[in-house]
N, C-alpha and C. Protein backbone atom coordinates (compact mmCIF):
# COMPACT_ATOMS: atom_id res chain seq x y z
N UNK A 1 0.80 -1.13 0.01
CA UNK A 1 -0.03 0.01 -0.05
C UNK A 1 0.90 1.25 -0.03
N UNK A 2 0.56 2.17 -0.86
CA UNK A 2 1.37 3.34 -0.95
C UNK A 2 0.64 4.45 -0.24
N UNK A 3 1.32 5.19 0.53
CA UNK A 3 0.76 6.27 1.35
C UNK A 3 1.20 7.52 0.46
N UNK A 4 0.17 8.02 -0.41
CA UNK A 4 0.51 9.00 -1.43
C UNK A 4 0.98 10.34 -0.81
N UNK A 5 0.47 10.74 0.25
CA UNK A 5 0.93 12.04 0.83
C UNK A 5 2.37 11.95 1.23
N UNK A 6 2.81 10.86 1.84
CA UNK A 6 4.23 10.75 2.13
C UNK A 6 5.13 10.54 0.93
N UNK A 7 4.68 9.78 -0.08
CA UNK A 7 5.44 9.68 -1.30
C UNK A 7 5.56 11.08 -1.99
N UNK A 8 4.53 11.88 -2.01
CA UNK A 8 4.67 13.22 -2.59
C UNK A 8 5.63 14.07 -1.77
N UNK A 9 5.50 13.95 -0.46
CA UNK A 9 6.39 14.74 0.45
C UNK A 9 7.82 14.38 0.11
N UNK A 10 8.13 13.10 -0.05
CA UNK A 10 9.44 12.56 -0.35
C UNK A 10 10.00 13.17 -1.62
N UNK A 11 9.18 13.18 -2.65
CA UNK A 11 9.58 13.67 -4.04
C UNK A 11 9.90 15.20 -3.85
N UNK A 12 9.12 15.90 -3.18
CA UNK A 12 9.40 17.35 -3.00
C UNK A 12 10.62 17.63 -2.30
N UNK A 13 10.92 16.84 -1.22
CA UNK A 13 12.18 17.06 -0.52
C UNK A 13 13.35 16.65 -1.37
N UNK A 14 13.27 15.63 -2.21
CA UNK A 14 14.31 15.30 -3.16
C UNK A 14 14.66 16.48 -4.05
N UNK A 15 13.64 17.16 -4.54
CA UNK A 15 13.76 18.29 -5.30
C UNK A 15 14.34 19.51 -4.59
N UNK A 16 13.97 19.70 -3.36
CA UNK A 16 14.52 20.73 -2.52
C UNK A 16 15.97 20.50 -2.16
N UNK A 17 16.34 19.30 -1.98
CA UNK A 17 17.75 18.93 -1.75
C UNK A 17 18.71 19.30 -2.81
N UNK A 18 18.22 19.32 -3.99
CA UNK A 18 19.05 19.66 -5.15
C UNK A 18 19.15 21.24 -5.33
N UNK A 19 18.21 21.97 -4.67
CA UNK A 19 18.22 23.41 -4.84
C UNK A 19 18.83 24.28 -3.74
N UNK A 20 19.21 23.59 -2.71
CA UNK A 20 19.83 24.38 -1.60
C UNK A 20 21.37 24.50 -1.70
N UNK A 21 21.90 25.56 -1.19
CA UNK A 21 23.27 25.78 -1.32
C UNK A 21 24.18 25.13 -0.26
N UNK A 22 23.61 24.86 0.86
CA UNK A 22 24.30 24.19 1.96
C UNK A 22 24.31 22.66 1.83
N UNK A 23 25.52 22.11 1.86
CA UNK A 23 25.68 20.68 1.78
C UNK A 23 25.00 20.03 2.95
N UNK A 24 25.08 20.64 4.14
CA UNK A 24 24.44 20.03 5.37
C UNK A 24 22.90 19.92 5.11
N UNK A 25 22.31 21.00 4.62
CA UNK A 25 20.79 21.11 4.45
C UNK A 25 20.47 20.10 3.33
N UNK A 26 21.32 19.98 2.30
CA UNK A 26 21.03 19.05 1.20
C UNK A 26 21.06 17.67 1.79
N UNK A 27 21.99 17.28 2.62
CA UNK A 27 22.14 15.97 3.20
C UNK A 27 20.92 15.69 4.06
N UNK A 28 20.49 16.59 4.88
CA UNK A 28 19.34 16.48 5.72
C UNK A 28 18.10 16.26 4.93
N UNK A 29 17.91 16.98 3.87
CA UNK A 29 16.71 16.92 3.07
C UNK A 29 16.71 15.53 2.38
N UNK A 30 17.88 15.17 1.82
CA UNK A 30 17.91 13.77 1.19
C UNK A 30 17.60 12.68 2.18
N UNK A 31 18.15 12.81 3.37
CA UNK A 31 17.85 11.73 4.39
C UNK A 31 16.34 11.74 4.77
N UNK A 32 15.72 12.79 4.94
CA UNK A 32 14.34 12.94 5.20
C UNK A 32 13.49 12.42 3.96
N UNK A 33 13.90 12.76 2.79
CA UNK A 33 13.27 12.20 1.55
C UNK A 33 13.30 10.70 1.62
N UNK A 34 14.53 10.13 1.89
CA UNK A 34 14.61 8.71 1.91
C UNK A 34 13.67 8.07 2.99
N UNK A 35 13.64 8.70 4.14
CA UNK A 35 12.85 8.17 5.28
C UNK A 35 11.36 8.22 4.78
N UNK A 36 10.86 9.28 4.21
CA UNK A 36 9.50 9.37 3.75
C UNK A 36 9.16 8.40 2.64
N UNK A 37 10.19 8.23 1.73
CA UNK A 37 9.94 7.23 0.65
C UNK A 37 9.81 5.88 1.29
N UNK A 38 10.59 5.48 2.22
CA UNK A 38 10.48 4.13 2.89
C UNK A 38 9.12 4.00 3.62
N UNK A 39 8.77 5.07 4.35
CA UNK A 39 7.53 5.07 5.11
C UNK A 39 6.30 5.01 4.24
N UNK A 40 6.43 5.54 3.05
CA UNK A 40 5.31 5.47 2.15
C UNK A 40 4.93 4.13 1.63
N UNK A 41 5.89 3.25 1.69
CA UNK A 41 5.55 1.89 1.20
C UNK A 41 5.80 0.78 2.25
N UNK A 42 6.14 1.10 3.50
CA UNK A 42 6.35 0.20 4.61
C UNK A 42 5.06 -0.56 4.85
N UNK A 43 5.22 -1.74 5.45
CA UNK A 43 4.06 -2.54 5.80
C UNK A 43 3.14 -1.82 6.83
N UNK A 44 3.73 -1.12 7.74
CA UNK A 44 2.94 -0.44 8.76
C UNK A 44 3.32 1.07 8.62
N UNK A 45 2.29 1.97 8.79
CA UNK A 45 2.50 3.30 8.67
C UNK A 45 3.18 3.89 9.89
N UNK A 46 3.77 5.05 9.73
CA UNK A 46 4.50 5.68 10.91
C UNK A 46 3.54 6.14 11.93
N UNK A 47 4.03 6.23 13.18
CA UNK A 47 3.22 6.71 14.33
C UNK A 47 3.37 8.25 14.47
N UNK A 48 2.61 8.78 15.35
CA UNK A 48 2.62 10.27 15.51
C UNK A 48 4.02 10.71 15.98
N UNK A 49 4.74 10.01 16.78
CA UNK A 49 6.10 10.47 17.20
C UNK A 49 7.01 10.54 16.15
N UNK A 50 7.00 9.52 15.16
CA UNK A 50 7.96 9.61 14.13
C UNK A 50 7.63 10.75 13.16
N UNK A 51 6.32 10.94 12.91
CA UNK A 51 5.95 12.01 12.11
C UNK A 51 6.21 13.45 12.71
N UNK A 52 6.12 13.50 14.00
CA UNK A 52 6.37 14.68 14.74
C UNK A 52 7.87 15.11 14.58
N UNK A 53 8.70 14.07 14.65
CA UNK A 53 10.17 14.33 14.53
C UNK A 53 10.48 14.82 13.12
N UNK A 54 9.88 14.20 12.13
CA UNK A 54 10.08 14.69 10.74
C UNK A 54 9.63 16.09 10.59
N UNK A 55 8.35 16.36 11.15
CA UNK A 55 7.91 17.70 11.03
C UNK A 55 8.77 18.70 11.65
N UNK A 56 9.40 18.43 12.84
CA UNK A 56 10.28 19.34 13.48
C UNK A 56 11.54 19.62 12.65
N UNK A 57 12.01 18.53 11.99
CA UNK A 57 13.20 18.70 11.09
C UNK A 57 12.86 19.57 9.89
N UNK A 58 11.67 19.28 9.36
CA UNK A 58 11.18 20.14 8.20
C UNK A 58 11.01 21.63 8.60
N UNK A 59 10.49 21.83 9.80
CA UNK A 59 10.33 23.25 10.27
C UNK A 59 11.74 23.95 10.34
N UNK A 60 12.71 23.23 10.97
CA UNK A 60 14.02 23.79 11.02
C UNK A 60 14.62 24.07 9.63
N UNK A 61 14.42 23.17 8.70
CA UNK A 61 14.99 23.29 7.37
C UNK A 61 14.25 24.40 6.61
N UNK A 62 12.93 24.66 6.87
CA UNK A 62 12.25 25.77 6.24
C UNK A 62 12.90 27.09 6.60
N UNK A 63 13.39 27.17 7.83
CA UNK A 63 13.95 28.38 8.28
C UNK A 63 15.39 28.60 7.74
N UNK A 64 16.17 27.47 7.55
CA UNK A 64 17.50 27.67 7.12
C UNK A 64 17.81 27.60 5.62
N UNK A 65 16.84 27.09 4.86
CA UNK A 65 17.08 26.99 3.43
C UNK A 65 16.71 28.28 2.75
N UNK A 66 17.19 28.33 1.48
CA UNK A 66 16.89 29.53 0.66
C UNK A 66 15.43 29.61 0.35
N UNK A 67 15.08 30.83 -0.20
CA UNK A 67 13.65 31.07 -0.49
C UNK A 67 12.98 30.06 -1.30
N UNK A 68 13.56 29.63 -2.42
CA UNK A 68 12.91 28.64 -3.36
C UNK A 68 12.78 27.36 -2.67
N UNK A 69 13.82 26.87 -1.96
CA UNK A 69 13.75 25.55 -1.31
C UNK A 69 12.77 25.63 -0.11
N UNK A 70 12.67 26.78 0.54
CA UNK A 70 11.76 26.87 1.71
C UNK A 70 10.24 26.65 1.23
N UNK A 71 9.95 27.20 0.13
CA UNK A 71 8.62 26.96 -0.42
C UNK A 71 8.33 25.52 -0.68
N UNK A 72 9.31 24.83 -1.26
CA UNK A 72 9.08 23.39 -1.56
C UNK A 72 9.08 22.52 -0.25
N UNK A 73 9.91 22.91 0.68
CA UNK A 73 9.97 22.22 1.97
C UNK A 73 8.59 22.37 2.71
N UNK A 74 8.09 23.59 2.64
CA UNK A 74 6.77 23.98 3.25
C UNK A 74 5.68 23.09 2.57
N UNK A 75 5.71 22.98 1.24
CA UNK A 75 4.73 22.07 0.60
C UNK A 75 4.79 20.73 1.00
N UNK A 76 6.00 20.21 1.14
CA UNK A 76 6.24 18.92 1.60
C UNK A 76 5.70 18.68 3.07
N UNK A 77 6.00 19.69 3.88
CA UNK A 77 5.55 19.73 5.30
C UNK A 77 4.00 19.62 5.29
N UNK A 78 3.29 20.31 4.39
CA UNK A 78 1.79 20.33 4.27
C UNK A 78 1.37 18.83 4.01
N UNK A 79 2.02 18.12 3.15
CA UNK A 79 1.65 16.78 2.79
C UNK A 79 1.82 15.81 4.04
N UNK A 80 2.89 16.03 4.80
CA UNK A 80 3.12 15.22 5.98
C UNK A 80 2.05 15.51 7.03
N UNK A 81 1.78 16.81 7.19
CA UNK A 81 0.73 17.26 8.08
C UNK A 81 -0.64 16.58 7.68
N UNK A 82 -0.98 16.62 6.45
CA UNK A 82 -2.22 16.00 5.94
C UNK A 82 -2.26 14.60 6.21
N UNK A 83 -1.20 13.84 5.98
CA UNK A 83 -1.18 12.47 6.26
C UNK A 83 -1.34 12.18 7.75
N UNK A 84 -0.58 12.99 8.54
CA UNK A 84 -0.70 12.80 10.03
C UNK A 84 -1.97 13.05 10.57
N UNK A 85 -2.81 13.90 9.96
CA UNK A 85 -4.19 14.19 10.46
C UNK A 85 -5.09 12.92 10.40
N UNK A 86 -4.74 11.98 9.62
CA UNK A 86 -5.50 10.76 9.50
C UNK A 86 -5.01 9.63 10.30
N UNK A 87 -3.87 9.81 11.03
CA UNK A 87 -3.26 8.72 11.76
C UNK A 87 -4.06 8.62 13.10
N UNK A 88 -4.36 7.39 13.41
CA UNK A 88 -5.14 7.16 14.70
C UNK A 88 -4.14 7.36 15.88
N UNK A 89 -4.82 7.67 16.99
CA UNK A 89 -4.04 7.78 18.29
C UNK A 89 -3.83 9.20 18.65
N UNK A 90 -3.22 9.48 19.73
CA UNK A 90 -2.93 10.74 20.26
C UNK A 90 -4.06 11.67 20.02
């Protein structure tokens, strides 16, 4: 089962990773993209805690990335937020 919101978020972060100037930000975005890609097809979906950690990282990256990348990261963040709104618990 593919979790479309997480797959879209992953694709957006992969794009953002290529457009940032900082190697550290690029590495973090690539890592988050990989995590979301894996979570989009994993047997079990992520829990609130895992998604919260990803959202916190995205928030930090929105603040440190350039203007173009920040918009893409924010869009990705919206997809994670949308997916998380349907996760049971908490």
